[in-house]
PDB file of all heavy atoms in Angstrom:
ATOM      1  N   PHE A   1      14.417   9.355 -14.568  1.00  0.00           N
ATOM      2  CA  PHE A   1      13.138   8.404 -14.459  1.00  0.00           C
ATOM      3  C   PHE A   1      12.289   8.666 -15.632  1.00  0.00           C
ATOM      4  O   PHE A   1      12.411   9.761 -16.157  1.00  0.00           O
ATOM      5  CB  PHE A   1      12.411   8.744 -13.090  1.00  0.00           C
ATOM      6  CG  PHE A   1      13.080   8.639 -11.750  1.00  0.00           C
ATOM      7  CD1 PHE A   1      13.942   9.468 -11.332  1.00  0.00           C
ATOM      8  CD2 PHE A   1      12.851   7.422 -11.105  1.00  0.00           C
ATOM      9  CE1 PHE A   1      14.570   9.175 -10.132  1.00  0.00           C
ATOM     10  CE2 PHE A   1      13.409   7.246  -9.848  1.00  0.00           C
ATOM     11  CZ  PHE A   1      14.363   8.068  -9.412  1.00  0.00           C
ATOM     12  N   ALA A   2      11.462   7.713 -15.859  1.00  0.00           N
ATOM     13  CA  ALA A   2      10.433   7.858 -16.874  1.00  0.00           C
ATOM     14  C   ALA A   2       9.078   7.236 -16.265  1.00  0.00           C
ATOM     15  O   ALA A   2       9.116   6.074 -15.954  1.00  0.00           O
ATOM     16  CB  ALA A   2      10.836   7.048 -18.183  1.00  0.00           C
ATOM     17  N   TRP A   3       8.086   8.079 -16.279  1.00  0.00           N
ATOM     18  CA  TRP A   3       6.678   7.611 -15.686  1.00  0.00           C
ATOM     19  C   TRP A   3       5.723   7.528 -16.827  1.00  0.00           C
ATOM     20  O   TRP A   3       5.694   8.295 -17.663  1.00  0.00           O
ATOM     21  CB  TRP A   3       6.319   8.686 -14.624  1.00  0.00           C
ATOM     22  CG  TRP A   3       6.756   8.440 -13.218  1.00  0.00           C
ATOM     23  CD1 TRP A   3       6.424   7.543 -12.293  1.00  0.00           C
ATOM     24  CD2 TRP A   3       7.886   9.263 -12.652  1.00  0.00           C
ATOM     25  NE1 TRP A   3       7.144   7.770 -11.136  1.00  0.00           N
ATOM     26  CE2 TRP A   3       8.035   8.709 -11.350  1.00  0.00           C
ATOM     27  CE3 TRP A   3       8.741  10.224 -13.143  1.00  0.00           C
ATOM     28  CZ2 TRP A   3       9.038   9.290 -10.611  1.00  0.00           C
ATOM     29  CZ3 TRP A   3       9.679  10.852 -12.347  1.00  0.00           C
ATOM     30  CH2 TRP A   3       9.800  10.313 -11.029  1.00  0.00           C
ATOM     31  N   GLU A   4       4.859   6.482 -16.737  1.00  0.00           N
ATOM     32  CA  GLU A   4       3.706   6.465 -17.506  1.00  0.00           C
ATOM     33  C   GLU A   4       2.614   7.514 -17.000  1.00  0.00           C
ATOM     34  O   GLU A   4       1.948   8.083 -17.934  1.00  0.00           O
ATOM     35  CB  GLU A   4       3.073   5.031 -17.389  1.00  0.00           C
ATOM     36  CG  GLU A   4       1.874   4.928 -18.370  1.00  0.00           C
ATOM     37  CD  GLU A   4       1.470   3.423 -18.451  1.00  0.00           C
ATOM     38  OE1 GLU A   4       1.708   2.582 -17.410  1.00  0.00           O
ATOM     39  OE2 GLU A   4       0.568   3.120 -19.311  1.00  0.00           O
ATOM     40  N   ASP A   5       2.500   7.763 -15.816  1.00  0.00           N
ATOM     41  CA  ASP A   5       1.658   8.620 -15.200  1.00  0.00           C
ATOM     42  C   ASP A   5       2.122   9.233 -13.878  1.00  0.00           C
ATOM     43  O   ASP A   5       2.449   8.455 -13.052  1.00  0.00           O
ATOM     44  CB  ASP A   5       0.267   7.889 -15.000  1.00  0.00           C
ATOM     45  CG  ASP A   5      -0.755   8.854 -14.425  1.00  0.00           C
ATOM     46  OD1 ASP A   5      -0.622  10.088 -14.698  1.00  0.00           O
ATOM     47  OD2 ASP A   5      -1.968   8.318 -13.901  1.00  0.00           O
ATOM     48  N   VAL A   6       2.374  10.591 -13.909  1.00  0.00           N
ATOM     49  CA  VAL A   6       2.841  11.204 -12.649  1.00  0.00           C
ATOM     50  C   VAL A   6       2.254  12.513 -12.517  1.00  0.00           C
ATOM     51  O   VAL A   6       2.071  13.210 -13.481  1.00  0.00           O
ATOM     52  CB  VAL A   6       4.389  11.254 -12.773  1.00  0.00           C
ATOM     53  CG1 VAL A   6       4.915  12.130 -13.866  1.00  0.00           C
ATOM     54  CG2 VAL A   6       4.893  11.795 -11.351  1.00  0.00           C
ATOM     55  N   GLU A   7       1.961  12.845 -11.333  1.00  0.00           N
ATOM     56  CA  GLU A   7       1.270  14.161 -11.114  1.00  0.00           C
ATOM     57  C   GLU A   7       2.451  15.228 -11.251  1.00  0.00           C
ATOM     58  O   GLU A   7       3.569  15.045 -10.862  1.00  0.00           O
ATOM     59  CB  GLU A   7       0.853  14.284  -9.613  1.00  0.00           C
ATOM     60  CG  GLU A   7       0.282  15.679  -9.292  1.00  0.00           C
ATOM     61  CD  GLU A   7      -0.188  15.631  -7.742  1.00  0.00           C
ATOM     62  OE1 GLU A   7      -0.180  14.547  -7.198  1.00  0.00           O
ATOM     63  OE2 GLU A   7      -0.853  16.762  -7.412  1.00  0.00           O
ATOM     64  N   ALA A   8       2.253  16.331 -11.849  1.00  0.00           N
ATOM     65  CA  ALA A   8       3.212  17.443 -12.050  1.00  0.00           C
ATOM     66  C   ALA A   8       3.801  17.881 -10.854  1.00  0.00           C
ATOM     67  O   ALA A   8       3.176  18.210  -9.862  1.00  0.00           O
ATOM     68  CB  ALA A   8       2.459  18.591 -12.746  1.00  0.00           C
ATOM     69  N   GLY A   9       5.092  17.742 -10.710  1.00  0.00           N
ATOM     70  CA  GLY A   9       5.876  18.186  -9.491  1.00  0.00           C
ATOM     71  C   GLY A   9       5.875  17.237  -8.344  1.00  0.00           C
ATOM     72  O   GLY A   9       6.751  17.561  -7.335  1.00  0.00           O
ATOM     73  N   ALA A  10       5.285  16.016  -8.582  1.00  0.00           N
ATOM     74  CA  ALA A  10       5.328  15.079  -7.498  1.00  0.00           C
ATOM     75  C   ALA A  10       6.707  14.531  -7.245  1.00  0.00           C
ATOM     76  O   ALA A  10       7.099  14.210  -6.117  1.00  0.00           O
ATOM     77  CB  ALA A  10       4.355  13.954  -7.847  1.00  0.00           C
ATOM     78  N   TYR A  11       7.497  14.545  -8.283  1.00  0.00           N
ATOM     79  CA  TYR A  11       8.897  14.067  -8.192  1.00  0.00           C
ATOM     80  C   TYR A  11       9.838  14.908  -7.322  1.00  0.00           C
ATOM     81  O   TYR A  11      10.986  14.587  -7.083  1.00  0.00           O
ATOM     82  CB  TYR A  11       9.452  13.890  -9.649  1.00  0.00           C
ATOM     83  CG  TYR A  11       9.095  14.934 -10.617  1.00  0.00           C
ATOM     84  CD1 TYR A  11       9.665  16.175 -10.490  1.00  0.00           C
ATOM     85  CD2 TYR A  11       8.051  14.701 -11.550  1.00  0.00           C
ATOM     86  CE1 TYR A  11       9.396  17.149 -11.353  1.00  0.00           C
ATOM     87  CE2 TYR A  11       7.723  15.685 -12.342  1.00  0.00           C
ATOM     88  CZ  TYR A  11       8.365  16.924 -12.338  1.00  0.00           C
ATOM     89  OH  TYR A  11       7.880  17.891 -13.239  1.00  0.00           O
ATOM     90  N   MET A  12       9.428  16.002  -6.939  1.00  0.00           N
ATOM     91  CA  MET A  12      10.118  16.970  -6.012  1.00  0.00           C
ATOM     92  C   MET A  12       9.884  16.562  -4.566  1.00  0.00           C
ATOM     93  O   MET A  12      10.499  17.053  -3.666  1.00  0.00           O
ATOM     94  CB  MET A  12       9.739  18.428  -6.232  1.00  0.00           C
ATOM     95  CG  MET A  12      10.263  18.933  -7.457  1.00  0.00           C
ATOM     96  SD  MET A  12      10.001  20.810  -7.817  1.00  0.00           S
ATOM     97  CE  MET A  12      11.232  21.429  -6.645  1.00  0.00           C
ATOM     98  N   ASP A  13       9.029  15.573  -4.303  1.00  0.00           N
ATOM     99  CA  ASP A  13       8.665  15.206  -3.017  1.00  0.00           C
ATOM    100  C   ASP A  13       9.471  13.964  -2.667  1.00  0.00           C
ATOM    101  O   ASP A  13       9.337  12.935  -3.201  1.00  0.00           O
ATOM    102  CB  ASP A  13       7.221  14.913  -2.862  1.00  0.00           C
ATOM    103  CG  ASP A  13       6.698  14.394  -1.460  1.00  0.00           C
ATOM    104  OD1 ASP A  13       7.587  14.201  -0.681  1.00  0.00           O
ATOM    105  OD2 ASP A  13       5.466  14.272  -1.266  1.00  0.00           O
ATOM    106  N   PRO A  14      10.393  14.085  -1.640  1.00  0.00           N
ATOM    107  CA  PRO A  14      11.195  12.904  -1.341  1.00  0.00           C
ATOM    108  C   PRO A  14      10.489  11.648  -0.915  1.00  0.00           C
ATOM    109  O   PRO A  14      10.821  10.627  -1.180  1.00  0.00           O
ATOM    110  CB  PRO A  14      12.032  13.340  -0.111  1.00  0.00           C
ATOM    111  CG  PRO A  14      12.039  14.854  -0.217  1.00  0.00           C
ATOM    112  CD  PRO A  14      10.727  15.210  -0.875  1.00  0.00           C
ATOM    113  N   ASP A  15       9.203  11.812  -0.185  1.00  0.00           N
ATOM    114  CA  ASP A  15       8.381  10.773   0.163  1.00  0.00           C
ATOM    115  C   ASP A  15       7.781  10.018  -1.046  1.00  0.00           C
ATOM    116  O   ASP A  15       7.690   8.764  -0.879  1.00  0.00           O
ATOM    117  CB  ASP A  15       7.275  11.155   1.080  1.00  0.00           C
ATOM    118  CG  ASP A  15       7.834  11.678   2.502  1.00  0.00           C
ATOM    119  OD1 ASP A  15       8.889  11.144   2.799  1.00  0.00           O
ATOM    120  OD2 ASP A  15       7.131  12.462   3.065  1.00  0.00           O
ATOM    121  N   TYR A  16       7.575  10.733  -2.145  1.00  0.00           N
ATOM    122  CA  TYR A  16       6.928  10.204  -3.294  1.00  0.00           C
ATOM    123  C   TYR A  16       8.041   9.297  -4.007  1.00  0.00           C
ATOM    124  O   TYR A  16       7.823   8.270  -4.521  1.00  0.00           O
ATOM    125  CB  TYR A  16       6.480  11.281  -4.244  1.00  0.00           C
ATOM    126  CG  TYR A  16       6.013  10.756  -5.389  1.00  0.00           C
ATOM    127  CD1 TYR A  16       4.616  10.276  -5.549  1.00  0.00           C
ATOM    128  CD2 TYR A  16       6.686  10.774  -6.587  1.00  0.00           C
ATOM    129  CE1 TYR A  16       4.135   9.858  -6.821  1.00  0.00           C
ATOM    130  CE2 TYR A  16       6.180  10.355  -7.822  1.00  0.00           C
ATOM    131  CZ  TYR A  16       4.896   9.875  -7.825  1.00  0.00           C
ATOM    132  OH  TYR A  16       4.415   9.349  -9.137  1.00  0.00           O
ATOM    133  N   LEU A  17       9.331   9.729  -3.992  1.00  0.00           N
ATOM    134  CA  LEU A  17      10.466   9.034  -4.626  1.00  0.00           C
ATOM    135  C   LEU A  17      10.894   7.728  -3.879  1.00  0.00           C
ATOM    136  O   LEU A  17      11.406   6.996  -4.468  1.00  0.00           O
ATOM    137  CB  LEU A  17      11.459   9.999  -4.877  1.00  0.00           C
ATOM    138  CG  LEU A  17      11.401  11.121  -5.985  1.00  0.00           C
ATOM    139  CD1 LEU A  17      12.534  11.988  -6.105  1.00  0.00           C
ATOM    140  CD2 LEU A  17      11.048  10.403  -7.364  1.00  0.00           C
ATOM    141  N   LYS A  18      10.617   7.785  -2.490  1.00  0.00           N
ATOM    142  CA  LYS A  18      11.277   6.741  -1.712  1.00  0.00           C
ATOM    143  C   LYS A  18      11.174   5.367  -2.191  1.00  0.00           C
ATOM    144  O   LYS A  18      12.038   4.618  -2.298  1.00  0.00           O
ATOM    145  CB  LYS A  18      10.779   6.945  -0.250  1.00  0.00           C
ATOM    146  CG  LYS A  18      11.648   6.125   0.701  1.00  0.00           C
ATOM    147  CD  LYS A  18      11.254   6.380   2.161  1.00  0.00           C
ATOM    148  CE  LYS A  18      11.442   7.977   2.559  1.00  0.00           C
ATOM    149  NZ  LYS A  18      11.024   8.236   3.859  1.00  0.00           N
ATOM    150  N   PRO A  19       9.656   4.963  -2.636  1.00  0.00           N
ATOM    151  CA  PRO A  19       9.536   3.614  -2.983  1.00  0.00           C
ATOM    152  C   PRO A  19      10.279   3.172  -4.160  1.00  0.00           C
ATOM    153  O   PRO A  19      10.456   1.923  -4.527  1.00  0.00           O
ATOM    154  CB  PRO A  19       7.965   3.502  -3.106  1.00  0.00           C
ATOM    155  CG  PRO A  19       7.527   4.706  -2.439  1.00  0.00           C
ATOM    156  CD  PRO A  19       8.544   5.769  -2.517  1.00  0.00           C
ATOM    157  N   ILE A  20      10.629   4.077  -5.125  1.00  0.00           N
ATOM    158  CA  ILE A  20      11.233   3.849  -6.468  1.00  0.00           C
ATOM    159  C   ILE A  20      12.523   4.394  -6.569  1.00  0.00           C
ATOM    160  O   ILE A  20      13.142   4.415  -7.738  1.00  0.00           O
ATOM    161  CB  ILE A  20      10.257   4.272  -7.621  1.00  0.00           C
ATOM    162  CG1 ILE A  20       9.946   5.823  -7.415  1.00  0.00           C
ATOM    163  CG2 ILE A  20       9.031   3.466  -7.544  1.00  0.00           C
ATOM    164  CD1 ILE A  20       9.486   6.443  -8.672  1.00  0.00           C
ATOM    165  N   ASP A  21      13.218   4.982  -5.510  1.00  0.00           N
ATOM    166  CA  ASP A  21      14.403   5.503  -5.682  1.00  0.00           C
ATOM    167  C   ASP A  21      15.528   4.592  -6.376  1.00  0.00           C
ATOM    168  O   ASP A  21      16.326   5.049  -7.108  1.00  0.00           O
ATOM    169  CB  ASP A  21      15.063   6.007  -4.190  1.00  0.00           C
ATOM    170  CG  ASP A  21      16.292   6.821  -4.423  1.00  0.00           C
ATOM    171  OD1 ASP A  21      16.166   7.878  -4.904  1.00  0.00           O
ATOM    172  OD2 ASP A  21      17.385   6.478  -3.980  1.00  0.00           O
ATOM    173  N   ASN A  22      15.413   3.294  -6.055  1.00  0.00           N
ATOM    174  CA  ASN A  22      16.370   2.427  -6.757  1.00  0.00           C
ATOM    175  C   ASN A  22      16.096   2.132  -8.203  1.00  0.00           C
ATOM    176  O   ASN A  22      17.031   1.516  -8.800  1.00  0.00           O
ATOM    177  CB  ASN A  22      16.263   0.990  -5.995  1.00  0.00           C
ATOM    178  CG  ASN A  22      14.976   0.323  -5.960  1.00  0.00           C
ATOM    179  OD1 ASN A  22      14.064   1.052  -6.468  1.00  0.00           O
ATOM    180  ND2 ASN A  22      14.889  -0.915  -5.709  1.00  0.00           N
ATOM    181  N   LYS A  23      15.043   2.695  -8.658  1.00  0.00           N
ATOM    182  CA  LYS A  23      14.773   2.601 -10.132  1.00  0.00           C
ATOM    183  C   LYS A  23      15.416   3.767 -10.916  1.00  0.00           C
ATOM    184  O   LYS A  23      15.439   3.739 -11.992  1.00  0.00           O
ATOM    185  CB  LYS A  23      13.253   2.571 -10.407  1.00  0.00           C
ATOM    186  CG  LYS A  23      12.609   1.193  -9.929  1.00  0.00           C
ATOM    187  CD  LYS A  23      11.156   1.107 -10.325  1.00  0.00           C
ATOM    188  CE  LYS A  23      10.548  -0.226  -9.786  1.00  0.00           C
ATOM    189  NZ  LYS A  23       9.195  -0.317 -10.136  1.00  0.00           N
ATOM    190  N   GLY A  24      15.831   4.722 -10.161  1.00  0.00           N
ATOM    191  CA  GLY A  24      16.435   6.001 -10.733  1.00  0.00           C
ATOM    192  C   GLY A  24      17.791   5.647 -11.383  1.00  0.00           C
ATOM    193  O   GLY A  24      18.594   5.052 -10.519  1.00  0.00           O
ATOM    194  N   GLU A  25      18.043   5.937 -12.547  1.00  0.00           N
ATOM    195  CA  GLU A  25      19.491   5.615 -13.061  1.00  0.00           C
ATOM    196  C   GLU A  25      20.313   6.782 -13.012  1.00  0.00           C
ATOM    197  O   GLU A  25      19.960   7.923 -13.485  1.00  0.00           O
ATOM    198  CB  GLU A  25      19.207   5.133 -14.522  1.00  0.00           C
ATOM    199  CG  GLU A  25      18.121   3.961 -14.659  1.00  0.00           C
ATOM    200  CD  GLU A  25      17.922   3.595 -16.100  1.00  0.00           C
ATOM    201  OE1 GLU A  25      18.794   3.761 -16.963  1.00  0.00           O
ATOM    202  OE2 GLU A  25      16.797   3.233 -16.475  1.00  0.00           O
ATOM    203  N   PRO A  26      21.490   6.641 -12.219  1.00  0.00           N
ATOM    204  CA  PRO A  26      22.422   7.739 -12.105  1.00  0.00           C
ATOM    205  C   PRO A  26      22.830   8.242 -13.422  1.00  0.00           C
ATOM    206  O   PRO A  26      23.109   7.552 -14.347  1.00  0.00           O
ATOM    207  CB  PRO A  26      23.598   6.970 -11.329  1.00  0.00           C
ATOM    208  CG  PRO A  26      22.966   5.890 -10.727  1.00  0.00           C
ATOM    209  CD  PRO A  26      21.803   5.347 -11.698  1.00  0.00           C
ATOM    210  N   LEU A  27      23.154   9.624 -13.320  1.00  0.00           N
ATOM    211  CA  LEU A  27      23.531  10.214 -14.596  1.00  0.00           C
ATOM    212  C   LEU A  27      24.493  11.446 -14.036  1.00  0.00           C
ATOM    213  O   LEU A  27      24.119  12.347 -13.308  1.00  0.00           O
ATOM    214  CB  LEU A  27      22.478  10.787 -15.291  1.00  0.00           C
ATOM    215  CG  LEU A  27      22.715  11.746 -16.519  1.00  0.00           C
ATOM    216  CD1 LEU A  27      23.504  10.932 -17.662  1.00  0.00           C
ATOM    217  CD2 LEU A  27      21.417  12.264 -17.140  1.00  0.00           C
ATOM    218  N   THR A  28      25.702  11.469 -14.643  1.00  0.00           N
ATOM    219  CA  THR A  28      26.677  12.527 -14.404  1.00  0.00           C
ATOM    220  C   THR A  28      26.841  13.342 -15.623  1.00  0.00           C
ATOM    221  O   THR A  28      27.276  12.718 -16.797  1.00  0.00           O
ATOM    222  CB  THR A  28      28.120  12.055 -13.958  1.00  0.00           C
ATOM    223  OG1 THR A  28      27.931  11.261 -12.663  1.00  0.00           O
ATOM    224  CG2 THR A  28      29.102  13.181 -13.733  1.00  0.00           C
ATOM    225  N   LEU A  29      26.671  14.569 -15.506  1.00  0.00           N
ATOM    226  CA  LEU A  29      26.738  15.359 -16.786  1.00  0.00           C
ATOM    227  C   LEU A  29      27.744  16.483 -16.497  1.00  0.00           C
ATOM    228  O   LEU A  29      27.758  17.192 -15.608  1.00  0.00           O
ATOM    229  CB  LEU A  29      25.322  16.087 -17.107  1.00  0.00           C
ATOM    230  CG  LEU A  29      24.241  15.194 -17.543  1.00  0.00           C
ATOM    231  CD1 LEU A  29      23.078  16.014 -17.676  1.00  0.00           C
ATOM    232  CD2 LEU A  29      24.619  14.535 -18.888  1.00  0.00           C
ATOM    233  N   ARG A  30      28.627  16.681 -17.484  1.00  0.00           N
ATOM    234  CA  ARG A  30      29.685  17.668 -17.592  1.00  0.00           C
ATOM    235  C   ARG A  30      29.344  18.680 -18.607  1.00  0.00           C
ATOM    236  O   ARG A  30      28.466  18.439 -19.449  1.00  0.00           O
ATOM    237  CB  ARG A  30      31.064  17.182 -17.705  1.00  0.00           C
ATOM    238  CG  ARG A  30      31.454  16.179 -16.388  1.00  0.00           C
ATOM    239  CD  ARG A  30      32.922  15.629 -16.626  1.00  0.00           C
ATOM    240  NE  ARG A  30      33.217  14.893 -15.410  1.00  0.00           N
ATOM    241  CZ  ARG A  30      33.006  13.647 -15.344  1.00  0.00           C
ATOM    242  NH1 ARG A  30      32.275  12.987 -16.149  1.00  0.00           N
ATOM    243  NH2 ARG A  30      33.303  12.999 -14.231  1.00  0.00           N
ATOM    244  N   GLU A  31      30.014  19.819 -18.652  1.00  0.00           N
ATOM    245  CA  GLU A  31      29.851  20.810 -19.639  1.00  0.00           C
ATOM    246  C   GLU A  31      30.043  20.237 -21.071  1.00  0.00           C
ATOM    247  O   GLU A  31      30.880  19.439 -21.294  1.00  0.00           O
ATOM    248  CB  GLU A  31      30.742  22.041 -19.492  1.00  0.00           C
ATOM    249  CG  GLU A  31      30.501  22.846 -18.299  1.00  0.00           C
ATOM    250  CD  GLU A  31      31.166  24.322 -18.386  1.00  0.00           C
ATOM    251  OE1 GLU A  31      32.245  24.284 -18.897  1.00  0.00           O
ATOM    252  OE2 GLU A  31      30.592  25.264 -17.815  1.00  0.00           O
ATOM    253  N   ASN A  32      29.065  20.525 -21.854  1.00  0.00           N
ATOM    254  CA  ASN A  32      29.017  20.080 -23.411  1.00  0.00           C
ATOM    255  C   ASN A  32      28.802  18.690 -23.601  1.00  0.00           C
ATOM    256  O   ASN A  32      28.819  18.129 -24.784  1.00  0.00           O
ATOM    257  CB  ASN A  32      30.386  20.631 -24.100  1.00  0.00           C
ATOM    258  CG  ASN A  32      30.537  22.096 -24.356  1.00  0.00           C
ATOM    259  OD1 ASN A  32      29.365  22.696 -24.641  1.00  0.00           O
ATOM    260  ND2 ASN A  32      31.582  22.514 -24.166  1.00  0.00           N
ATOM    261  N   ASP A  33      28.359  17.915 -22.541  1.00  0.00           N
ATOM    262  CA  ASP A  33      28.071  16.590 -22.620  1.00  0.00           C
ATOM    263  C   ASP A  33      26.840  16.431 -23.569  1.00  0.00           C
ATOM    264  O   ASP A  33      25.869  17.157 -23.452  1.00  0.00           O
ATOM    265  CB  ASP A  33      27.828  15.822 -21.263  1.00  0.00           C
ATOM    266  CG  ASP A  33      28.995  15.292 -20.778  1.00  0.00           C
ATOM    267  OD1 ASP A  33      30.092  15.262 -21.380  1.00  0.00           O
ATOM    268  OD2 ASP A  33      28.988  14.884 -19.434  1.00  0.00           O
ATOM    269  N   GLN A  34      26.814  15.436 -24.386  1.00  0.00           N
ATOM    270  CA  GLN A  34      25.628  15.019 -25.157  1.00  0.00           C
ATOM    271  C   GLN A  34      25.600  13.552 -25.002  1.00  0.00           C
ATOM    272  O   GLN A  34      26.280  12.777 -25.857  1.00  0.00           O
ATOM    273  CB  GLN A  34      25.778  15.537 -26.555  1.00  0.00           C
ATOM    274  CG  GLN A  34      25.893  17.092 -26.840  1.00  0.00           C
ATOM    275  CD  GLN A  34      25.753  17.446 -28.343  1.00  0.00           C
ATOM    276  OE1 GLN A  34      25.217  16.761 -29.088  1.00  0.00           O
ATOM    277  NE2 GLN A  34      26.011  18.730 -28.512  1.00  0.00           N
TER     278      GLN A  34
END
């Protein structure tokens, strides 16, 4: 995610993320991925 304005740590709250969860872009990372 990328926010213009977000309270520190708010993104660890599932209720905070619920309205915008579909805006989160999936990302799979393996070892040494760049």
